[in-house]
Amino acid sequence: MTKPKNTKKEKISVANEIDRIEEQRMRCQGSLERAEFRHRREQLSDEDRKALEDEMTIMNERIQRYEKELEVLRRENRKNMMISVALLAISGLFYYVFIN
């Protein structure tokens, strides 16, 4: 049953994956900002404060993981773009040499 999910994920373009991860990172960043605001403004019990700090730690880790994923995807996107440009240049050269 995991195989259809994997094949579907493989069909997602790098640009769409970048957009999806950026959106997740932005949502997580917003949640972190709300938690930080609550941490500063509200009078919390020690237990609630500890739970909120743990939640903020988890969100920071997620944001860092998303940023690493974005870095890898952007590198792959640049590589794909360079390959596309090289193929276009080679096609243009062949067209110029053999057609004209």
PDB file of N, CA and C in Angstrom:
ATOM      1  N   MET A   1       0.809  -1.192   0.000  1.00  0.00           N
ATOM      2  CA  MET A   1       0.000   0.000   0.000  1.00  0.00           C
ATOM      3  C   MET A   1       0.856   1.261   0.000  1.00  0.00           C
ATOM      4  N   THR A   2       2.074   1.192   0.487  1.00  0.00           N
ATOM      5  CA  THR A   2       2.937   2.367   0.481  1.00  0.00           C
ATOM      6  C   THR A   2       3.475   2.658  -0.912  1.00  0.00           C
ATOM      7  N   LYS A   3       3.468   1.662  -1.776  1.00  0.00           N
ATOM      8  CA  LYS A   3       4.016   1.862  -3.113  1.00  0.00           C
ATOM      9  C   LYS A   3       3.255   2.919  -3.918  1.00  0.00           C
ATOM     10  N   PRO A   4       1.906   2.925  -3.953  1.00  0.00           N
ATOM     11  CA  PRO A   4       1.220   3.983  -4.697  1.00  0.00           C
ATOM     12  C   PRO A   4       1.536   5.372  -4.161  1.00  0.00           C
ATOM     13  N   LYS A   5       1.685   5.495  -2.863  1.00  0.00           N
ATOM     14  CA  LYS A   5       2.019   6.795  -2.285  1.00  0.00           C
ATOM     15  C   LYS A   5       3.386   7.251  -2.758  1.00  0.00           C
ATOM     16  N   ASN A   6       4.355   6.334  -2.808  1.00  0.00           N
ATOM     17  CA  ASN A   6       5.701   6.675  -3.256  1.00  0.00           C
ATOM     18  C   ASN A   6       5.718   7.048  -4.734  1.00  0.00           C
ATOM     19  N   THR A   7       4.986   6.316  -5.572  1.00  0.00           N
ATOM     20  CA  THR A   7       4.975   6.644  -6.992  1.00  0.00           C
ATOM     21  C   THR A   7       4.289   7.979  -7.223  1.00  0.00           C
ATOM     22  N   LYS A   8       3.271   8.280  -6.442  1.00  0.00           N
ATOM     23  CA  LYS A   8       2.604   9.569  -6.582  1.00  0.00           C
ATOM     24  C   LYS A   8       3.542  10.696  -6.177  1.00  0.00           C
ATOM     25  N   LYS A   9       4.303  10.492  -5.108  1.00  0.00           N
ATOM     26  CA  LYS A   9       5.219  11.520  -4.641  1.00  0.00           C
ATOM     27  C   LYS A   9       6.333  11.758  -5.656  1.00  0.00           C
ATOM     28  N   GLU A  10       6.768  10.721  -6.360  1.00  0.00           N
ATOM     29  CA  GLU A  10       7.823  10.867  -7.349  1.00  0.00           C
ATOM     30  C   GLU A  10       7.395  11.750  -8.515  1.00  0.00           C
ATOM     31  N   LYS A  11       6.104  11.827  -8.773  1.00  0.00           N
ATOM     32  CA  LYS A  11       5.597  12.609  -9.893  1.00  0.00           C
ATOM     33  C   LYS A  11       5.507  14.097  -9.584  1.00  0.00           C
ATOM     34  N   ILE A  12       5.704  14.476  -8.336  1.00  0.00           N
ATOM     35  CA  ILE A  12       5.650  15.880  -7.951  1.00  0.00           C
ATOM     36  C   ILE A  12       6.922  16.566  -8.428  1.00  0.00           C
ATOM     37  N   SER A  13       6.763  17.718  -9.054  1.00  0.00           N
ATOM     38  CA  SER A  13       7.939  18.433  -9.544  1.00  0.00           C
ATOM     39  C   SER A  13       8.709  19.049  -8.383  1.00  0.00           C
ATOM     40  N   VAL A  14       9.968  19.354  -8.644  1.00  0.00           N
ATOM     41  CA  VAL A  14      10.813  19.954  -7.621  1.00  0.00           C
ATOM     42  C   VAL A  14      10.245  21.304  -7.200  1.00  0.00           C
ATOM     43  N   ALA A  15       9.767  22.082  -8.151  1.00  0.00           N
ATOM     44  CA  ALA A  15       9.213  23.400  -7.832  1.00  0.00           C
ATOM     45  C   ALA A  15       7.968  23.279  -6.947  1.00  0.00           C
ATOM     46  N   ASN A  16       7.105  22.308  -7.234  1.00  0.00           N
ATOM     47  CA  ASN A  16       5.919  22.101  -6.398  1.00  0.00           C
ATOM     48  C   ASN A  16       6.314  21.648  -4.998  1.00  0.00           C
ATOM     49  N   GLU A  17       7.323  20.809  -4.921  1.00  0.00           N
ATOM     50  CA  GLU A  17       7.804  20.345  -3.613  1.00  0.00           C
ATOM     51  C   GLU A  17       8.389  21.504  -2.815  1.00  0.00           C
ATOM     52  N   ILE A  18       9.122  22.389  -3.482  1.00  0.00           N
ATOM     53  CA  ILE A  18       9.673  23.573  -2.814  1.00  0.00           C
ATOM     54  C   ILE A  18       8.543  24.434  -2.272  1.00  0.00           C
ATOM     55  N   ASP A  19       7.524  24.667  -3.088  1.00  0.00           N
ATOM     56  CA  ASP A  19       6.379  25.472  -2.643  1.00  0.00           C
ATOM     57  C   ASP A  19       5.680  24.841  -1.443  1.00  0.00           C
ATOM     58  N   ARG A  20       5.500  23.524  -1.480  1.00  0.00           N
ATOM     59  CA  ARG A  20       4.816  22.821  -0.395  1.00  0.00           C
ATOM     60  C   ARG A  20       5.613  22.928   0.905  1.00  0.00           C
ATOM     61  N   ILE A  21       6.913  22.729   0.832  1.00  0.00           N
ATOM     62  CA  ILE A  21       7.732  22.784   2.037  1.00  0.00           C
ATOM     63  C   ILE A  21       7.828  24.215   2.561  1.00  0.00           C
ATOM     64  N   GLU A  22       7.917  25.206   1.664  1.00  0.00           N
ATOM     65  CA  GLU A  22       7.935  26.602   2.116  1.00  0.00           C
ATOM     66  C   GLU A  22       6.645  26.949   2.847  1.00  0.00           C
ATOM     67  N   GLU A  23       5.523  26.447   2.342  1.00  0.00           N
ATOM     68  CA  GLU A  23       4.242  26.709   3.001  1.00  0.00           C
ATOM     69  C   GLU A  23       4.217  26.068   4.392  1.00  0.00           C
ATOM     70  N   GLN A  24       4.704  24.833   4.507  1.00  0.00           N
ATOM     71  CA  GLN A  24       4.754  24.170   5.805  1.00  0.00           C
ATOM     72  C   GLN A  24       5.676  24.923   6.762  1.00  0.00           C
ATOM     73  N   ARG A  25       6.813  25.389   6.245  1.00  0.00           N
ATOM     74  CA  ARG A  25       7.747  26.137   7.082  1.00  0.00           C
ATOM     75  C   ARG A  25       7.116  27.438   7.569  1.00  0.00           C
ATOM     76  N   MET A  26       6.381  28.113   6.696  1.00  0.00           N
ATOM     77  CA  MET A  26       5.731  29.369   7.082  1.00  0.00           C
ATOM     78  C   MET A  26       4.654  29.126   8.147  1.00  0.00           C
ATOM     79  N   ARG A  27       3.888  28.050   8.009  1.00  0.00           N
ATOM     80  CA  ARG A  27       2.886  27.732   9.020  1.00  0.00           C
ATOM     81  C   ARG A  27       3.548  27.431  10.361  1.00  0.00           C
ATOM     82  N   CYS A  28       4.629  26.681  10.315  1.00  0.00           N
ATOM     83  CA  CYS A  28       5.353  26.342  11.541  1.00  0.00           C
ATOM     84  C   CYS A  28       5.964  27.600  12.166  1.00  0.00           C
ATOM     85  N   GLN A  29       6.484  28.486  11.318  1.00  0.00           N
ATOM     86  CA  GLN A  29       7.055  29.747  11.801  1.00  0.00           C
ATOM     87  C   GLN A  29       5.979  30.591  12.483  1.00  0.00           C
ATOM     88  N   GLY A  30       4.784  30.626  11.894  1.00  0.00           N
ATOM     89  CA  GLY A  30       3.677  31.361  12.510  1.00  0.00           C
ATOM     90  C   GLY A  30       3.281  30.774  13.857  1.00  0.00           C
ATOM     91  N   SER A  31       3.235  29.453  13.942  1.00  0.00           N
ATOM     92  CA  SER A  31       2.919  28.800  15.214  1.00  0.00           C
ATOM     93  C   SER A  31       3.983  29.104  16.259  1.00  0.00           C
ATOM     94  N   LEU A  32       5.240  29.111  15.833  1.00  0.00           N
ATOM     95  CA  LEU A  32       6.334  29.417  16.749  1.00  0.00           C
ATOM     96  C   LEU A  32       6.227  30.852  17.264  1.00  0.00           C
ATOM     97  N   GLU A  33       5.904  31.785  16.381  1.00  0.00           N
ATOM     98  CA  GLU A  33       5.755  33.184  16.799  1.00  0.00           C
ATOM     99  C   GLU A  33       4.614  33.340  17.793  1.00  0.00           C
ATOM    100  N   ARG A  34       3.491  32.645  17.562  1.00  0.00           N
ATOM    101  CA  ARG A  34       2.368  32.709  18.500  1.00  0.00           C
ATOM    102  C   ARG A  34       2.763  32.125  19.853  1.00  0.00           C
ATOM    103  N   ALA A  35       3.504  31.016  19.823  1.00  0.00           N
ATOM    104  CA  ALA A  35       3.941  30.392  21.074  1.00  0.00           C
ATOM    105  C   ALA A  35       4.917  31.300  21.821  1.00  0.00           C
ATOM    106  N   GLU A  36       5.834  31.938  21.096  1.00  0.00           N
ATOM    107  CA  GLU A  36       6.773  32.860  21.733  1.00  0.00           C
ATOM    108  C   GLU A  36       6.041  34.055  22.343  1.00  0.00           C
ATOM    109  N   PHE A  37       5.034  34.577  21.638  1.00  0.00           N
ATOM    110  CA  PHE A  37       4.241  35.690  22.154  1.00  0.00           C
ATOM    111  C   PHE A  37       3.525  35.271  23.441  1.00  0.00           C
ATOM    112  N   ARG A  38       2.929  34.084  23.397  1.00  0.00           N
ATOM    113  CA  ARG A  38       2.231  33.571  24.584  1.00  0.00           C
ATOM    114  C   ARG A  38       3.210  33.376  25.740  1.00  0.00           C
ATOM    115  N   HIS A  39       4.397  32.899  25.421  1.00  0.00           N
ATOM    116  CA  HIS A  39       5.418  32.661  26.447  1.00  0.00           C
ATOM    117  C   HIS A  39       5.818  33.969  27.131  1.00  0.00           C
ATOM    118  N   ARG A  40       5.905  35.045  26.355  1.00  0.00           N
ATOM    119  CA  ARG A  40       6.303  36.344  26.912  1.00  0.00           C
ATOM    120  C   ARG A  40       5.172  37.025  27.663  1.00  0.00           C
ATOM    121  N   ARG A  41       3.946  36.928  27.167  1.00  0.00           N
ATOM    122  CA  ARG A  41       2.840  37.745  27.685  1.00  0.00           C
ATOM    123  C   ARG A  41       2.032  37.107  28.799  1.00  0.00           C
ATOM    124  N   GLU A  42       1.879  35.816  28.762  1.00  0.00           N
ATOM    125  CA  GLU A  42       0.971  35.188  29.726  1.00  0.00           C
ATOM    126  C   GLU A  42       1.709  34.708  30.962  1.00  0.00           C
ATOM    127  N   GLN A  43       1.004  34.734  32.055  1.00  0.00           N
ATOM    128  CA  GLN A  43       1.507  34.162  33.296  1.00  0.00           C
ATOM    129  C   GLN A  43       1.173  32.670  33.265  1.00  0.00           C
ATOM    130  N   LEU A  44       2.193  31.855  33.113  1.00  0.00           N
ATOM    131  CA  LEU A  44       1.980  30.418  33.000  1.00  0.00           C
ATOM    132  C   LEU A  44       2.547  29.703  34.216  1.00  0.00           C
ATOM    133  N   SER A  45       1.919  28.576  34.526  1.00  0.00           N
ATOM    134  CA  SER A  45       2.469  27.749  35.602  1.00  0.00           C
ATOM    135  C   SER A  45       3.773  27.125  35.096  1.00  0.00           C
ATOM    136  N   ASP A  46       4.558  26.609  35.998  1.00  0.00           N
ATOM    137  CA  ASP A  46       5.827  25.990  35.611  1.00  0.00           C
ATOM    138  C   ASP A  46       5.611  24.839  34.633  1.00  0.00           C
ATOM    139  N   GLU A  47       4.563  24.070  34.866  1.00  0.00           N
ATOM    140  CA  GLU A  47       4.265  22.934  33.985  1.00  0.00           C
ATOM    141  C   GLU A  47       3.875  23.421  32.590  1.00  0.00           C
ATOM    142  N   ASP A  48       2.999  24.434  32.528  1.00  0.00           N
ATOM    143  CA  ASP A  48       2.589  24.981  31.231  1.00  0.00           C
ATOM    144  C   ASP A  48       3.760  25.639  30.511  1.00  0.00           C
ATOM    145  N   ARG A  49       4.591  26.338  31.260  1.00  0.00           N
ATOM    146  CA  ARG A  49       5.764  27.000  30.663  1.00  0.00           C
ATOM    147  C   ARG A  49       6.715  25.959  30.070  1.00  0.00           C
ATOM    148  N   LYS A  50       6.930  24.858  30.805  1.00  0.00           N
ATOM    149  CA  LYS A  50       7.816  23.793  30.326  1.00  0.00           C
ATOM    150  C   LYS A  50       7.234  23.157  29.062  1.00  0.00           C
ATOM    151  N   ALA A  51       5.917  22.907  29.058  1.00  0.00           N
ATOM    152  CA  ALA A  51       5.264  22.317  27.885  1.00  0.00           C
ATOM    153  C   ALA A  51       5.383  23.249  26.687  1.00  0.00           C
ATOM    154  N   LEU A  52       5.196  24.548  26.915  1.00  0.00           N
ATOM    155  CA  LEU A  52       5.303  25.518  25.831  1.00  0.00           C
ATOM    156  C   LEU A  52       6.731  25.606  25.316  1.00  0.00           C
ATOM    157  N   GLU A  53       7.712  25.563  26.197  1.00  0.00           N
ATOM    158  CA  GLU A  53       9.104  25.582  25.766  1.00  0.00           C
ATOM    159  C   GLU A  53       9.463  24.331  24.971  1.00  0.00           C
ATOM    160  N   ASP A  54       8.917  23.178  25.380  1.00  0.00           N
ATOM    161  CA  ASP A  54       9.145  21.938  24.629  1.00  0.00           C
ATOM    162  C   ASP A  54       8.527  22.039  23.234  1.00  0.00           C
ATOM    163  N   GLU A  55       7.327  22.603  23.173  1.00  0.00           N
ATOM    164  CA  GLU A  55       6.662  22.795  21.888  1.00  0.00           C
ATOM    165  C   GLU A  55       7.470  23.734  20.989  1.00  0.00           C
ATOM    166  N   MET A  56       8.001  24.796  21.569  1.00  0.00           N
ATOM    167  CA  MET A  56       8.815  25.738  20.794  1.00  0.00           C
ATOM    168  C   MET A  56      10.094  25.069  20.297  1.00  0.00           C
ATOM    169  N   THR A  57      10.684  24.202  21.100  1.00  0.00           N
ATOM    170  CA  THR A  57      11.880  23.472  20.694  1.00  0.00           C
ATOM    171  C   THR A  57      11.574  22.558  19.504  1.00  0.00           C
ATOM    172  N   ILE A  58      10.451  21.871  19.590  1.00  0.00           N
ATOM    173  CA  ILE A  58      10.045  20.981  18.498  1.00  0.00           C
ATOM    174  C   ILE A  58       9.812  21.787  17.224  1.00  0.00           C
ATOM    175  N   MET A  59       9.155  22.933  17.338  1.00  0.00           N
ATOM    176  CA  MET A  59       8.898  23.761  16.159  1.00  0.00           C
ATOM    177  C   MET A  59      10.200  24.292  15.562  1.00  0.00           C
ATOM    178  N   ASN A  60      11.145  24.672  16.407  1.00  0.00           N
ATOM    179  CA  ASN A  60      12.449  25.126  15.899  1.00  0.00           C
ATOM    180  C   ASN A  60      13.154  24.013  15.137  1.00  0.00           C
ATOM    181  N   GLU A  61      13.080  22.784  15.652  1.00  0.00           N
ATOM    182  CA  GLU A  61      13.695  21.647  14.971  1.00  0.00           C
ATOM    183  C   GLU A  61      13.027  21.393  13.623  1.00  0.00           C
ATOM    184  N   ARG A  62      11.700  21.503  13.588  1.00  0.00           N
ATOM    185  CA  ARG A  62      10.983  21.321  12.314  1.00  0.00           C
ATOM    186  C   ARG A  62      11.385  22.383  11.305  1.00  0.00           C
ATOM    187  N   ILE A  63      11.469  23.617  11.752  1.00  0.00           N
ATOM    188  CA  ILE A  63      11.850  24.708  10.852  1.00  0.00           C
ATOM    189  C   ILE A  63      13.244  24.458  10.291  1.00  0.00           C
ATOM    190  N   GLN A  64      14.160  24.028  11.136  1.00  0.00           N
ATOM    191  CA  GLN A  64      15.519  23.728  10.657  1.00  0.00           C
ATOM    192  C   GLN A  64      15.504  22.577   9.655  1.00  0.00           C
ATOM    193  N   ARG A  65      14.693  21.562   9.918  1.00  0.00           N
ATOM    194  CA  ARG A  65      14.585  20.433   8.986  1.00  0.00           C
ATOM    195  C   ARG A  65      14.003  20.889   7.650  1.00  0.00           C
ATOM    196  N   TYR A  66      12.977  21.737   7.700  1.00  0.00           N
ATOM    197  CA  TYR A  66      12.398  22.261   6.460  1.00  0.00           C
ATOM    198  C   TYR A  66      13.424  23.081   5.684  1.00  0.00           C
ATOM    199  N   GLU A  67      14.216  23.876   6.381  1.00  0.00           N
ATOM    200  CA  GLU A  67      15.225  24.691   5.707  1.00  0.00           C
ATOM    201  C   GLU A  67      16.286  23.816   5.038  1.00  0.00           C
ATOM    202  N   LYS A  68      16.658  22.714   5.683  1.00  0.00           N
ATOM    203  CA  LYS A  68      17.613  21.791   5.068  1.00  0.00           C
ATOM    204  C   LYS A  68      17.017  21.142   3.832  1.00  0.00           C
ATOM    205  N   GLU A  69      15.757  20.726   3.915  1.00  0.00           N
ATOM    206  CA  GLU A  69      15.082  20.140   2.760  1.00  0.00           C
ATOM    207  C   GLU A  69      15.001  21.146   1.621  1.00  0.00           C
ATOM    208  N   LEU A  70      14.683  22.397   1.954  1.00  0.00           N
ATOM    209  CA  LEU A  70      14.606  23.433   0.927  1.00  0.00           C
ATOM    210  C   LEU A  70      15.954  23.653   0.260  1.00  0.00           C
ATOM    211  N   GLU A  71      17.017  23.626   1.040  1.00  0.00           N
ATOM    212  CA  GLU A  71      18.355  23.806   0.482  1.00  0.00           C
ATOM    213  C   GLU A  71      18.671  22.704  -0.524  1.00  0.00           C
ATOM    214  N   VAL A  72      18.346  21.460  -0.181  1.00  0.00           N
ATOM    215  CA  VAL A  72      18.599  20.331  -1.080  1.00  0.00           C
ATOM    216  C   VAL A  72      17.740  20.461  -2.346  1.00  0.00           C
ATOM    217  N   LEU A  73      16.468  20.799  -2.166  1.00  0.00           N
ATOM    218  CA  LEU A  73      15.575  20.922  -3.325  1.00  0.00           C
ATOM    219  C   LEU A  73      15.980  22.075  -4.235  1.00  0.00           C
ATOM    220  N   ARG A  74      16.395  23.173  -3.654  1.00  0.00           N
ATOM    221  CA  ARG A  74      16.832  24.313  -4.479  1.00  0.00           C
ATOM    222  C   ARG A  74      18.096  23.971  -5.258  1.00  0.00           C
ATOM    223  N   ARG A  75      18.996  23.220  -4.627  1.00  0.00           N
ATOM    224  CA  ARG A  75      20.208  22.781  -5.322  1.00  0.00           C
ATOM    225  C   ARG A  75      19.830  21.880  -6.503  1.00  0.00           C
ATOM    226  N   GLU A  76      18.892  20.959  -6.281  1.00  0.00           N
ATOM    227  CA  GLU A  76      18.439  20.083  -7.349  1.00  0.00           C
ATOM    228  C   GLU A  76      17.740  20.880  -8.451  1.00  0.00           C
ATOM    229  N   ASN A  77      16.974  21.883  -8.059  1.00  0.00           N
ATOM    230  CA  ASN A  77      16.285  22.719  -9.034  1.00  0.00           C
ATOM    231  C   ASN A  77      17.291  23.480  -9.900  1.00  0.00           C
ATOM    232  N   ARG A  78      18.360  24.014  -9.279  1.00  0.00           N
ATOM    233  CA  ARG A  78      19.406  24.701 -10.052  1.00  0.00           C
ATOM    234  C   ARG A  78      20.093  23.744 -11.015  1.00  0.00           C
ATOM    235  N   LYS A  79      20.355  22.531 -10.556  1.00  0.00           N
ATOM    236  CA  LYS A  79      20.994  21.528 -11.409  1.00  0.00           C
ATOM    237  C   LYS A  79      20.105  21.224 -12.615  1.00  0.00           C
ATOM    238  N   ASN A  80      18.803  21.026 -12.372  1.00  0.00           N
ATOM    239  CA  ASN A  80      17.867  20.757 -13.462  1.00  0.00           C
ATOM    240  C   ASN A  80      17.803  21.926 -14.440  1.00  0.00           C
ATOM    241  N   MET A  81      17.840  23.146 -13.913  1.00  0.00           N
ATOM    242  CA  MET A  81      17.805  24.320 -14.778  1.00  0.00           C
ATOM    243  C   MET A  81      19.050  24.383 -15.658  1.00  0.00           C
ATOM    244  N   MET A  82      20.208  24.097 -15.073  1.00  0.00           N
ATOM    245  CA  MET A  82      21.454  24.136 -15.847  1.00  0.00           C
ATOM    246  C   MET A  82      21.448  23.068 -16.935  1.00  0.00           C
ATOM    247  N   ILE A  83      20.919  21.896 -16.641  1.00  0.00           N
ATOM    248  CA  ILE A  83      20.815  20.843 -17.653  1.00  0.00           C
ATOM    249  C   ILE A  83      19.887  21.291 -18.772  1.00  0.00           C
ATOM    250  N   SER A  84      18.772  21.915 -18.424  1.00  0.00           N
ATOM    251  CA  SER A  84      17.823  22.398 -19.431  1.00  0.00           C
ATOM    252  C   SER A  84      18.455  23.461 -20.323  1.00  0.00           C
ATOM    253  N   VAL A  85      19.180  24.380 -19.714  1.00  0.00           N
ATOM    254  CA  VAL A  85      19.837  25.438 -20.486  1.00  0.00           C
ATOM    255  C   VAL A  85      20.899  24.835 -21.404  1.00  0.00           C
ATOM    256  N   ALA A  86      21.655  23.868 -20.898  1.00  0.00           N
ATOM    257  CA  ALA A  86      22.685  23.224 -21.721  1.00  0.00           C
ATOM    258  C   ALA A  86      22.055  22.491 -22.899  1.00  0.00           C
ATOM    259  N   LEU A  87      20.961  21.783 -22.660  1.00  0.00           N
ATOM    260  CA  LEU A  87      20.285  21.089 -23.761  1.00  0.00           C
ATOM    261  C   LEU A  87      19.716  22.064 -24.782  1.00  0.00           C
ATOM    262  N   LEU A  88      19.190  23.175 -24.315  1.00  0.00           N
ATOM    263  CA  LEU A  88      18.685  24.198 -25.223  1.00  0.00           C
ATOM    264  C   LEU A  88      19.816  24.775 -26.065  1.00  0.00           C
ATOM    265  N   ALA A  89      20.955  25.039 -25.441  1.00  0.00           N
ATOM    266  CA  ALA A  89      22.098  25.582 -26.173  1.00  0.00           C
ATOM    267  C   ALA A  89      22.603  24.584 -27.205  1.00  0.00           C
ATOM    268  N   ILE A  90      22.681  23.320 -26.827  1.00  0.00           N
ATOM    269  CA  ILE A  90      23.136  22.285 -27.774  1.00  0.00           C
ATOM    270  C   ILE A  90      22.149  22.154 -28.925  1.00  0.00           C
ATOM    271  N   SER A  91      20.854  22.184 -28.620  1.00  0.00           N
ATOM    272  CA  SER A  91      19.833  22.117 -29.676  1.00  0.00           C
ATOM    273  C   SER A  91      19.952  23.308 -30.616  1.00  0.00           C
ATOM    274  N   GLY A  92      20.139  24.478 -30.047  1.00  0.00           N
ATOM    275  CA  GLY A  92      20.310  25.675 -30.878  1.00  0.00           C
ATOM    276  C   GLY A  92      21.548  25.590 -31.744  1.00  0.00           C
ATOM    277  N   LEU A  93      22.628  25.072 -31.204  1.00  0.00           N
ATOM    278  CA  LEU A  93      23.869  24.907 -31.972  1.00  0.00           C
ATOM    279  C   LEU A  93      23.670  23.919 -33.108  1.00  0.00           C
ATOM    280  N   PHE A  94      23.055  22.781 -32.840  1.00  0.00           N
ATOM    281  CA  PHE A  94      22.789  21.809 -33.908  1.00  0.00           C
ATOM    282  C   PHE A  94      21.877  22.415 -34.979  1.00  0.00           C
ATOM    283  N   TYR A  95      20.867  23.129 -34.559  1.00  0.00           N
ATOM    284  CA  TYR A  95      19.966  23.762 -35.521  1.00  0.00           C
ATOM    285  C   TYR A  95      20.739  24.736 -36.394  1.00  0.00           C
ATOM    286  N   TYR A  96      21.575  25.548 -35.796  1.00  0.00           N
ATOM    287  CA  TYR A  96      22.339  26.550 -36.537  1.00  0.00           C
ATOM    288  C   TYR A  96      23.324  25.882 -37.486  1.00  0.00           C
ATOM    289  N   VAL A  97      23.996  24.828 -37.038  1.00  0.00           N
ATOM    290  CA  VAL A  97      25.025  24.165 -37.851  1.00  0.00           C
ATOM    291  C   VAL A  97      24.414  23.356 -38.972  1.00  0.00           C
ATOM    292  N   PHE A  98      23.376  22.565 -38.696  1.00  0.00           N
ATOM    293  CA  PHE A  98      22.869  21.624 -39.691  1.00  0.00           C
ATOM    294  C   PHE A  98      21.676  22.128 -40.492  1.00  0.00           C
ATOM    295  N   ILE A  99      20.921  23.047 -39.991  1.00  0.00           N
ATOM    296  CA  ILE A  99      19.747  23.539 -40.704  1.00  0.00           C
ATOM    297  C   ILE A  99      20.087  24.764 -41.534  1.00  0.00           C
ATOM    298  N   ASN A 100      20.873  25.660 -41.005  1.00  0.00           N
ATOM    299  CA  ASN A 100      21.224  26.872 -41.745  1.00  0.00           C
ATOM    300  C   ASN A 100      22.367  26.637 -42.636  1.00  0.00           C
TER     301      ASN A 100
END
